[in-house]
Amino acid sequence: MFDDDLPRKIKSGSVKNLEPMSLDDLKAYIDELAAEIERTKVEINRKSAHMNAASSLFKTPSE
């Protein structure tokens, strides 16, 4: 079996200890996470558009 045949494991970020963080630090952390979520959504949209474009090349025209 090749490595490509194995299911991919999603690498998750480390779990951050929120207890010692101040209110300002927590708010800044939320802003960072929101920015990362937005960046991820943009990448999902980019890859979806690429997949749709590629799959449209292989569709047969409707009659």
PDB file of N, CA and C in Angstrom:
ATOM      1  N   MET A   1       0.839  -1.172   0.000  1.00  0.00           N
ATOM      2  CA  MET A   1       0.000   0.000   0.000  1.00  0.00           C
ATOM      3  C   MET A   1       0.889   1.242   0.000  1.00  0.00           C
ATOM      4  N   PHE A   2       0.510   2.232  -0.773  1.00  0.00           N
ATOM      5  CA  PHE A   2       1.268   3.466  -0.861  1.00  0.00           C
ATOM      6  C   PHE A   2       0.728   4.489   0.133  1.00  0.00           C
ATOM      7  N   ASP A   3       1.560   5.445   0.488  1.00  0.00           N
ATOM      8  CA  ASP A   3       1.125   6.479   1.422  1.00  0.00           C
ATOM      9  C   ASP A   3      -0.061   7.265   0.875  1.00  0.00           C
ATOM     10  N   ASP A   4      -0.141   7.417  -0.453  1.00  0.00           N
ATOM     11  CA  ASP A   4      -1.237   8.157  -1.059  1.00  0.00           C
ATOM     12  C   ASP A   4      -2.578   7.461  -0.835  1.00  0.00           C
ATOM     13  N   ASP A   5      -2.546   6.172  -0.592  1.00  0.00           N
ATOM     14  CA  ASP A   5      -3.774   5.410  -0.379  1.00  0.00           C
ATOM     15  C   ASP A   5      -4.302   5.535   1.044  1.00  0.00           C
ATOM     16  N   LEU A   6      -3.461   6.015   1.953  1.00  0.00           N
ATOM     17  CA  LEU A   6      -3.874   6.131   3.341  1.00  0.00           C
ATOM     18  C   LEU A   6      -4.737   7.379   3.533  1.00  0.00           C
ATOM     19  N   PRO A   7      -5.697   7.318   4.462  1.00  0.00           N
ATOM     20  CA  PRO A   7      -6.487   8.524   4.720  1.00  0.00           C
ATOM     21  C   PRO A   7      -5.602   9.630   5.275  1.00  0.00           C
ATOM     22  N   ARG A   8      -5.897  10.850   4.882  1.00  0.00           N
ATOM     23  CA  ARG A   8      -5.110  11.980   5.354  1.00  0.00           C
ATOM     24  C   ARG A   8      -5.570  12.384   6.746  1.00  0.00           C
ATOM     25  N   LYS A   9      -4.608  12.687   7.583  1.00  0.00           N
ATOM     26  CA  LYS A   9      -4.919  13.210   8.908  1.00  0.00           C
ATOM     27  C   LYS A   9      -4.841  14.722   8.830  1.00  0.00           C
ATOM     28  N   ILE A  10      -5.855  15.364   9.365  1.00  0.00           N
ATOM     29  CA  ILE A  10      -5.856  16.823   9.383  1.00  0.00           C
ATOM     30  C   ILE A  10      -4.996  17.271  10.558  1.00  0.00           C
ATOM     31  N   LYS A  11      -4.044  18.115  10.253  1.00  0.00           N
ATOM     32  CA  LYS A  11      -3.176  18.629  11.305  1.00  0.00           C
ATOM     33  C   LYS A  11      -3.892  19.805  11.968  1.00  0.00           C
ATOM     34  N   SER A  12      -4.116  19.680  13.243  1.00  0.00           N
ATOM     35  CA  SER A  12      -4.759  20.786  13.946  1.00  0.00           C
ATOM     36  C   SER A  12      -3.707  21.568  14.703  1.00  0.00           C
ATOM     37  N   GLY A  13      -4.005  22.829  14.914  1.00  0.00           N
ATOM     38  CA  GLY A  13      -3.086  23.667  15.666  1.00  0.00           C
ATOM     39  C   GLY A  13      -3.049  23.235  17.121  1.00  0.00           C
ATOM     40  N   SER A  14      -2.093  23.743  17.802  1.00  0.00           N
ATOM     41  CA  SER A  14      -1.994  23.393  19.213  1.00  0.00           C
ATOM     42  C   SER A  14      -3.119  24.080  19.986  1.00  0.00           C
ATOM     43  N   VAL A  15      -3.556  23.450  21.026  1.00  0.00           N
ATOM     44  CA  VAL A  15      -4.605  24.012  21.868  1.00  0.00           C
ATOM     45  C   VAL A  15      -3.953  25.025  22.796  1.00  0.00           C
ATOM     46  N   LYS A  16      -4.483  26.221  22.758  1.00  0.00           N
ATOM     47  CA  LYS A  16      -3.894  27.302  23.530  1.00  0.00           C
ATOM     48  C   LYS A  16      -4.524  27.359  24.920  1.00  0.00           C
ATOM     49  N   ASN A  17      -3.707  27.553  25.927  1.00  0.00           N
ATOM     50  CA  ASN A  17      -4.206  27.730  27.286  1.00  0.00           C
ATOM     51  C   ASN A  17      -4.725  29.160  27.418  1.00  0.00           C
ATOM     52  N   LEU A  18      -6.025  29.303  27.590  1.00  0.00           N
ATOM     53  CA  LEU A  18      -6.653  30.620  27.636  1.00  0.00           C
ATOM     54  C   LEU A  18      -6.635  31.237  29.039  1.00  0.00           C
ATOM     55  N   GLU A  19      -6.441  30.424  30.045  1.00  0.00           N
ATOM     56  CA  GLU A  19      -6.524  30.881  31.432  1.00  0.00           C
ATOM     57  C   GLU A  19      -5.619  32.078  31.746  1.00  0.00           C
ATOM     58  N   PRO A  20      -4.346  32.052  31.386  1.00  0.00           N
ATOM     59  CA  PRO A  20      -3.480  33.174  31.775  1.00  0.00           C
ATOM     60  C   PRO A  20      -3.650  34.429  30.900  1.00  0.00           C
ATOM     61  N   MET A  21      -4.484  34.355  29.875  1.00  0.00           N
ATOM     62  CA  MET A  21      -4.612  35.473  28.943  1.00  0.00           C
ATOM     63  C   MET A  21      -5.531  36.557  29.506  1.00  0.00           C
ATOM     64  N   SER A  22      -5.143  37.807  29.282  1.00  0.00           N
ATOM     65  CA  SER A  22      -5.968  38.936  29.718  1.00  0.00           C
ATOM     66  C   SER A  22      -7.149  39.101  28.755  1.00  0.00           C
ATOM     67  N   LEU A  23      -8.078  39.972  29.119  1.00  0.00           N
ATOM     68  CA  LEU A  23      -9.215  40.235  28.238  1.00  0.00           C
ATOM     69  C   LEU A  23      -8.754  40.770  26.886  1.00  0.00           C
ATOM     70  N   ASP A  24      -7.793  41.674  26.903  1.00  0.00           N
ATOM     71  CA  ASP A  24      -7.276  42.220  25.641  1.00  0.00           C
ATOM     72  C   ASP A  24      -6.601  41.139  24.804  1.00  0.00           C
ATOM     73  N   ASP A  25      -5.856  40.259  25.479  1.00  0.00           N
ATOM     74  CA  ASP A  25      -5.210  39.154  24.768  1.00  0.00           C
ATOM     75  C   ASP A  25      -6.242  38.218  24.156  1.00  0.00           C
ATOM     76  N   LEU A  26      -7.306  37.935  24.907  1.00  0.00           N
ATOM     77  CA  LEU A  26      -8.356  37.050  24.394  1.00  0.00           C
ATOM     78  C   LEU A  26      -9.055  37.671  23.183  1.00  0.00           C
ATOM     79  N   LYS A  27      -9.322  38.960  23.256  1.00  0.00           N
ATOM     80  CA  LYS A  27      -9.959  39.642  22.120  1.00  0.00           C
ATOM     81  C   LYS A  27      -9.046  39.642  20.904  1.00  0.00           C
ATOM     82  N   ALA A  28      -7.777  39.864  21.124  1.00  0.00           N
ATOM     83  CA  ALA A  28      -6.817  39.822  20.016  1.00  0.00           C
ATOM     84  C   ALA A  28      -6.731  38.421  19.429  1.00  0.00           C
ATOM     85  N   TYR A  29      -6.793  37.408  20.285  1.00  0.00           N
ATOM     86  CA  TYR A  29      -6.755  36.020  19.842  1.00  0.00           C
ATOM     87  C   TYR A  29      -7.980  35.707  18.983  1.00  0.00           C
ATOM     88  N   ILE A  30      -9.142  36.199  19.393  1.00  0.00           N
ATOM     89  CA  ILE A  30     -10.357  36.012  18.591  1.00  0.00           C
ATOM     90  C   ILE A  30     -10.183  36.665  17.227  1.00  0.00           C
ATOM     91  N   ASP A  31      -9.609  37.856  17.195  1.00  0.00           N
ATOM     92  CA  ASP A  31      -9.378  38.534  15.909  1.00  0.00           C
ATOM     93  C   ASP A  31      -8.442  37.723  15.008  1.00  0.00           C
ATOM     94  N   GLU A  32      -7.409  37.145  15.617  1.00  0.00           N
ATOM     95  CA  GLU A  32      -6.483  36.301  14.853  1.00  0.00           C
ATOM     96  C   GLU A  32      -7.201  35.075  14.292  1.00  0.00           C
ATOM     97  N   LEU A  33      -8.033  34.449  15.128  1.00  0.00           N
ATOM     98  CA  LEU A  33      -8.769  33.268  14.677  1.00  0.00           C
ATOM     99  C   LEU A  33      -9.756  33.625  13.570  1.00  0.00           C
ATOM    100  N   ALA A  34     -10.433  34.753  13.708  1.00  0.00           N
ATOM    101  CA  ALA A  34     -11.383  35.190  12.680  1.00  0.00           C
ATOM    102  C   ALA A  34     -10.664  35.435  11.360  1.00  0.00           C
ATOM    103  N   ALA A  35      -9.481  36.042  11.421  1.00  0.00           N
ATOM    104  CA  ALA A  35      -8.700  36.274  10.208  1.00  0.00           C
ATOM    105  C   ALA A  35      -8.283  34.950   9.573  1.00  0.00           C
ATOM    106  N   GLU A  36      -7.920  33.984  10.399  1.00  0.00           N
ATOM    107  CA  GLU A  36      -7.525  32.671   9.881  1.00  0.00           C
ATOM    108  C   GLU A  36      -8.716  31.941   9.265  1.00  0.00           C
ATOM    109  N   ILE A  37      -9.888  32.076   9.876  1.00  0.00           N
ATOM    110  CA  ILE A  37     -11.099  31.476   9.317  1.00  0.00           C
ATOM    111  C   ILE A  37     -11.398  32.104   7.960  1.00  0.00           C
ATOM    112  N   GLU A  38     -11.295  33.402   7.863  1.00  0.00           N
ATOM    113  CA  GLU A  38     -11.555  34.086   6.588  1.00  0.00           C
ATOM    114  C   GLU A  38     -10.549  33.641   5.522  1.00  0.00           C
ATOM    115  N   ARG A  39      -9.293  33.537   5.904  1.00  0.00           N
ATOM    116  CA  ARG A  39      -8.254  33.081   4.966  1.00  0.00           C
ATOM    117  C   ARG A  39      -8.551  31.670   4.486  1.00  0.00           C
ATOM    118  N   THR A  40      -9.033  30.824   5.386  1.00  0.00           N
ATOM    119  CA  THR A  40      -9.376  29.450   5.043  1.00  0.00           C
ATOM    120  C   THR A  40     -10.568  29.409   4.093  1.00  0.00           C
ATOM    121  N   LYS A  41     -11.579  30.250   4.338  1.00  0.00           N
ATOM    122  CA  LYS A  41     -12.742  30.310   3.457  1.00  0.00           C
ATOM    123  C   LYS A  41     -12.353  30.754   2.048  1.00  0.00           C
ATOM    124  N   VAL A  42     -11.452  31.707   1.955  1.00  0.00           N
ATOM    125  CA  VAL A  42     -10.972  32.164   0.642  1.00  0.00           C
ATOM    126  C   VAL A  42     -10.290  31.018  -0.094  1.00  0.00           C
ATOM    127  N   GLU A  43      -9.486  30.248   0.617  1.00  0.00           N
ATOM    128  CA  GLU A  43      -8.788  29.114  -0.010  1.00  0.00           C
ATOM    129  C   GLU A  43      -9.772  28.032  -0.438  1.00  0.00           C
ATOM    130  N   ILE A  44     -10.796  27.778   0.387  1.00  0.00           N
ATOM    131  CA  ILE A  44     -11.828  26.809   0.012  1.00  0.00           C
ATOM    132  C   ILE A  44     -12.525  27.254  -1.262  1.00  0.00           C
ATOM    133  N   ASN A  45     -12.891  28.527  -1.332  1.00  0.00           N
ATOM    134  CA  ASN A  45     -13.555  29.052  -2.532  1.00  0.00           C
ATOM    135  C   ASN A  45     -12.653  28.949  -3.762  1.00  0.00           C
ATOM    136  N   ARG A  46     -11.368  29.245  -3.579  1.00  0.00           N
ATOM    137  CA  ARG A  46     -10.414  29.163  -4.696  1.00  0.00           C
ATOM    138  C   ARG A  46     -10.308  27.732  -5.199  1.00  0.00           C
ATOM    139  N   LYS A  47     -10.201  26.787  -4.280  1.00  0.00           N
ATOM    140  CA  LYS A  47     -10.068  25.384  -4.683  1.00  0.00           C
ATOM    141  C   LYS A  47     -11.368  24.851  -5.274  1.00  0.00           C
ATOM    142  N   SER A  48     -12.496  25.290  -4.740  1.00  0.00           N
ATOM    143  CA  SER A  48     -13.790  24.866  -5.293  1.00  0.00           C
ATOM    144  C   SER A  48     -13.952  25.364  -6.721  1.00  0.00           C
ATOM    145  N   ALA A  49     -13.583  26.608  -6.962  1.00  0.00           N
ATOM    146  CA  ALA A  49     -13.674  27.167  -8.306  1.00  0.00           C
ATOM    147  C   ALA A  49     -12.762  26.408  -9.267  1.00  0.00           C
ATOM    148  N   HIS A  50     -11.586  26.061  -8.795  1.00  0.00           N
ATOM    149  CA  HIS A  50     -10.647  25.305  -9.623  1.00  0.00           C
ATOM    150  C   HIS A  50     -11.214  23.924  -9.949  1.00  0.00           C
ATOM    151  N   MET A  51     -11.794  23.257  -8.947  1.00  0.00           N
ATOM    152  CA  MET A  51     -12.387  21.937  -9.174  1.00  0.00           C
ATOM    153  C   MET A  51     -13.563  22.018 -10.141  1.00  0.00           C
ATOM    154  N   ASN A  52     -14.408  23.034  -9.971  1.00  0.00           N
ATOM    155  CA  ASN A  52     -15.561  23.197 -10.856  1.00  0.00           C
ATOM    156  C   ASN A  52     -15.121  23.452 -12.294  1.00  0.00           C
ATOM    157  N   ALA A  53     -14.095  24.263 -12.459  1.00  0.00           N
ATOM    158  CA  ALA A  53     -13.579  24.540 -13.799  1.00  0.00           C
ATOM    159  C   ALA A  53     -13.019  23.275 -14.430  1.00  0.00           C
ATOM    160  N   ALA A  54     -12.300  22.494 -13.645  1.00  0.00           N
ATOM    161  CA  ALA A  54     -11.715  21.262 -14.174  1.00  0.00           C
ATOM    162  C   ALA A  54     -12.811  20.249 -14.516  1.00  0.00           C
ATOM    163  N   SER A  55     -13.810  20.118 -13.663  1.00  0.00           N
ATOM    164  CA  SER A  55     -14.835  19.124 -13.934  1.00  0.00           C
ATOM    165  C   SER A  55     -15.732  19.539 -15.102  1.00  0.00           C
ATOM    166  N   SER A  56     -15.854  20.847 -15.349  1.00  0.00           N
ATOM    167  CA  SER A  56     -16.667  21.283 -16.486  1.00  0.00           C
ATOM    168  C   SER A  56     -16.015  20.901 -17.822  1.00  0.00           C
ATOM    169  N   LEU A  57     -14.723  20.689 -17.828  1.00  0.00           N
ATOM    170  CA  LEU A  57     -14.042  20.268 -19.050  1.00  0.00           C
ATOM    171  C   LEU A  57     -14.442  18.859 -19.463  1.00  0.00           C
ATOM    172  N   PHE A  58     -14.874  18.053 -18.488  1.00  0.00           N
ATOM    173  CA  PHE A  58     -15.167  16.656 -18.763  1.00  0.00           C
ATOM    174  C   PHE A  58     -16.655  16.354 -18.863  1.00  0.00           C
ATOM    175  N   LYS A  59     -17.494  17.369 -18.741  1.00  0.00           N
ATOM    176  CA  LYS A  59     -18.929  17.168 -18.861  1.00  0.00           C
ATOM    177  C   LYS A  59     -19.312  17.140 -20.334  1.00  0.00           C
ATOM    178  N   THR A  60     -20.299  16.292 -20.656  1.00  0.00           N
ATOM    179  CA  THR A  60     -20.794  16.267 -22.028  1.00  0.00           C
ATOM    180  C   THR A  60     -21.875  17.317 -22.182  1.00  0.00           C
ATOM    181  N   PRO A  61     -21.930  17.976 -23.312  1.00  0.00           N
ATOM    182  CA  PRO A  61     -22.936  19.018 -23.509  1.00  0.00           C
ATOM    183  C   PRO A  61     -24.352  18.428 -23.460  1.00  0.00           C
ATOM    184  N   SER A  62     -25.263  19.165 -22.893  1.00  0.00           N
ATOM    185  CA  SER A  62     -26.673  18.734 -22.836  1.00  0.00           C
ATOM    186  C   SER A  62     -27.315  18.952 -24.193  1.00  0.00           C
ATOM    187  N   GLU A  63     -28.221  18.062 -24.520  1.00  0.00           N
ATOM    188  CA  GLU A  63     -28.906  18.203 -25.821  1.00  0.00           C
ATOM    189  C   GLU A  63     -30.333  18.562 -25.617  1.00  0.00           C
TER     190      GLU A  63
END
